[in-house]
Amino acid sequence: MATFKKRNGRYQAQIRRKGYPPTYKTFSSITAAKKWAQVTEADMERRTYAPAPSISVCEILERYEREVLPSHKGHQAERYRVQTLLGFFGGLKLVHLTSQEVAKYRDIRLKEVSPAS
């Protein structure tokens, strides 16, 4: 939910929502602040909002593959698992990685592979 404060003749909009860092923006009018807050909250609801310094799951997995995997004994098999994860989660921002996304991945994988996998 958005809150608004008047500071030094300007209006600061603040959005605090579970799963997202607090987001602030300052405007010269309350109307502009409310419009921005409404659009931003709608984006958060649709899960299309990502804060500017957001990192993607792809970047994390690639860094893991580059920096950590070479020192592991079973790095070849683990590299295959990382590539599989990249195929499913690669396009997601870390902010949007939820337990529902992981459960969806699990269900798809269980349909593709044998139970022993």
Protein backbone atom coordinates (compact mmCIF):
# COMPACT_ATOMS: atom_id res chain seq x y z
CA MET A 1 0.00 0.00 0.00
CA ALA A 2 1.25 3.46 -0.84
CA THR A 3 1.67 6.27 1.66
CA PHE A 4 2.32 9.92 0.90
CA LYS A 5 4.20 12.58 2.86
CA LYS A 6 4.59 16.28 2.16
CA ARG A 7 8.25 17.24 2.52
CA ASN A 8 9.68 20.66 1.66
CA GLY A 9 6.76 21.52 -0.61
CA ARG A 10 7.06 18.23 -2.51
CA TYR A 11 5.30 14.90 -2.12
CA GLN A 12 7.08 11.66 -1.37
CA ALA A 13 5.32 8.44 -2.31
CA GLN A 14 6.37 5.30 -0.48
CA ILE A 15 5.31 1.77 -1.40
CA ARG A 16 5.93 -1.07 1.02
CA ARG A 17 4.92 -4.46 -0.24
CA LYS A 18 5.88 -7.97 0.84
CA GLY A 19 8.51 -9.48 -1.44
CA TYR A 20 9.80 -6.10 -2.64
CA PRO A 21 12.18 -3.58 -1.12
CA PRO A 22 10.56 -0.31 0.01
CA THR A 23 10.22 1.98 -3.01
CA TYR A 24 10.25 5.78 -2.80
CA LYS A 25 9.83 8.57 -5.31
CA THR A 26 9.33 12.32 -4.89
CA PHE A 27 6.96 14.46 -6.98
CA SER A 28 5.95 18.11 -7.21
CA SER A 29 2.23 17.26 -7.07
CA ILE A 30 0.19 14.78 -5.08
CA THR A 31 -1.67 13.78 -8.25
CA ALA A 32 1.53 12.66 -9.96
CA ALA A 33 2.59 10.79 -6.82
CA LYS A 34 -0.72 8.92 -6.62
CA LYS A 35 -0.61 8.05 -10.32
CA TRP A 36 2.96 6.68 -10.01
CA ALA A 37 2.01 4.69 -6.90
CA GLN A 38 -1.03 3.18 -8.62
CA VAL A 39 0.99 2.11 -11.69
CA THR A 40 3.87 0.75 -9.60
CA GLU A 41 1.58 -1.23 -7.29
CA ALA A 42 -0.22 -2.69 -10.32
CA ASP A 43 3.15 -3.75 -11.76
CA MET A 44 4.05 -5.37 -8.44
CA GLU A 45 0.73 -7.20 -8.42
CA ARG A 46 1.35 -8.51 -11.96
CA ARG A 47 4.97 -9.31 -10.98
CA THR A 48 6.33 -7.15 -13.80
CA TYR A 49 7.94 -4.58 -11.49
CA ALA A 50 11.63 -4.96 -10.79
CA PRO A 51 13.69 -2.36 -8.92
CA ALA A 52 16.50 -0.88 -11.00
CA PRO A 53 19.46 -2.71 -9.41
CA SER A 54 17.71 -6.06 -9.74
CA ILE A 55 19.82 -9.08 -10.61
CA SER A 56 18.55 -11.99 -12.67
CA VAL A 57 18.64 -15.66 -11.75
CA CYS A 58 20.64 -16.18 -14.96
CA GLU A 59 23.43 -13.89 -13.72
CA ILE A 60 23.60 -15.73 -10.40
CA LEU A 61 23.71 -19.19 -11.98
CA GLU A 62 26.31 -18.14 -14.56
CA ARG A 63 28.53 -16.67 -11.85
CA TYR A 64 28.16 -19.87 -9.81
CA GLU A 65 29.07 -21.92 -12.87
CA ARG A 66 32.10 -19.73 -13.58
CA GLU A 67 33.48 -19.21 -10.06
CA VAL A 68 32.38 -22.14 -7.90
CA LEU A 69 31.85 -25.17 -10.13
CA PRO A 70 35.44 -25.59 -11.38
CA SER A 71 36.58 -26.46 -7.86
CA HIS A 72 33.96 -29.20 -7.38
CA LYS A 73 34.82 -32.83 -7.98
CA GLY A 74 31.58 -33.59 -9.84
CA HIS A 75 31.50 -30.33 -11.75
CA GLN A 76 30.42 -31.93 -15.05
CA ALA A 77 27.19 -33.36 -13.64
CA GLU A 78 26.54 -30.22 -11.65
CA ARG A 79 27.08 -28.07 -14.75
CA TYR A 80 24.30 -30.07 -16.43
CA ARG A 81 21.97 -29.29 -13.49
CA VAL A 82 22.86 -25.60 -13.65
CA GLN A 83 22.09 -25.54 -17.38
CA THR A 84 18.71 -27.17 -16.70
CA LEU A 85 17.93 -24.51 -14.09
CA LEU A 86 19.03 -21.78 -16.49
CA GLY A 87 16.58 -23.05 -19.07
CA PHE A 88 13.67 -22.69 -16.69
CA PHE A 89 14.61 -19.75 -14.43
CA GLY A 90 17.06 -17.87 -16.66
CA GLY A 91 14.61 -15.16 -17.68
CA LEU A 92 13.42 -14.41 -14.14
CA LYS A 93 14.62 -11.60 -11.95
CA LEU A 94 15.63 -12.74 -8.48
CA VAL A 95 12.87 -10.58 -7.01
CA HIS A 96 10.29 -12.66 -8.89
CA LEU A 97 11.66 -16.06 -7.88
CA THR A 98 8.98 -17.40 -5.55
CA SER A 99 8.13 -20.72 -4.00
CA GLN A 100 5.34 -21.03 -6.57
CA GLU A 101 7.89 -20.77 -9.41
CA VAL A 102 10.07 -23.43 -7.78
CA ALA A 103 7.05 -25.70 -7.26
CA LYS A 104 6.08 -25.24 -10.91
CA TYR A 105 9.63 -26.22 -11.94
CA ARG A 106 9.48 -29.27 -9.66
CA ASP A 107 6.18 -30.43 -11.15
CA ILE A 108 7.43 -30.05 -14.72
CA ARG A 109 10.66 -31.90 -13.94
CA LEU A 110 8.80 -34.76 -12.27
CA LYS A 111 6.80 -35.25 -15.47
CA GLU A 112 9.98 -35.24 -17.62
CA VAL A 113 12.32 -37.48 -15.63
CA SER A 114 12.11 -40.83 -13.90
CA PRO A 115 11.33 -40.88 -10.16
CA ALA A 116 14.92 -41.87 -9.35
CA SER A 117 16.27 -38.60 -10.84
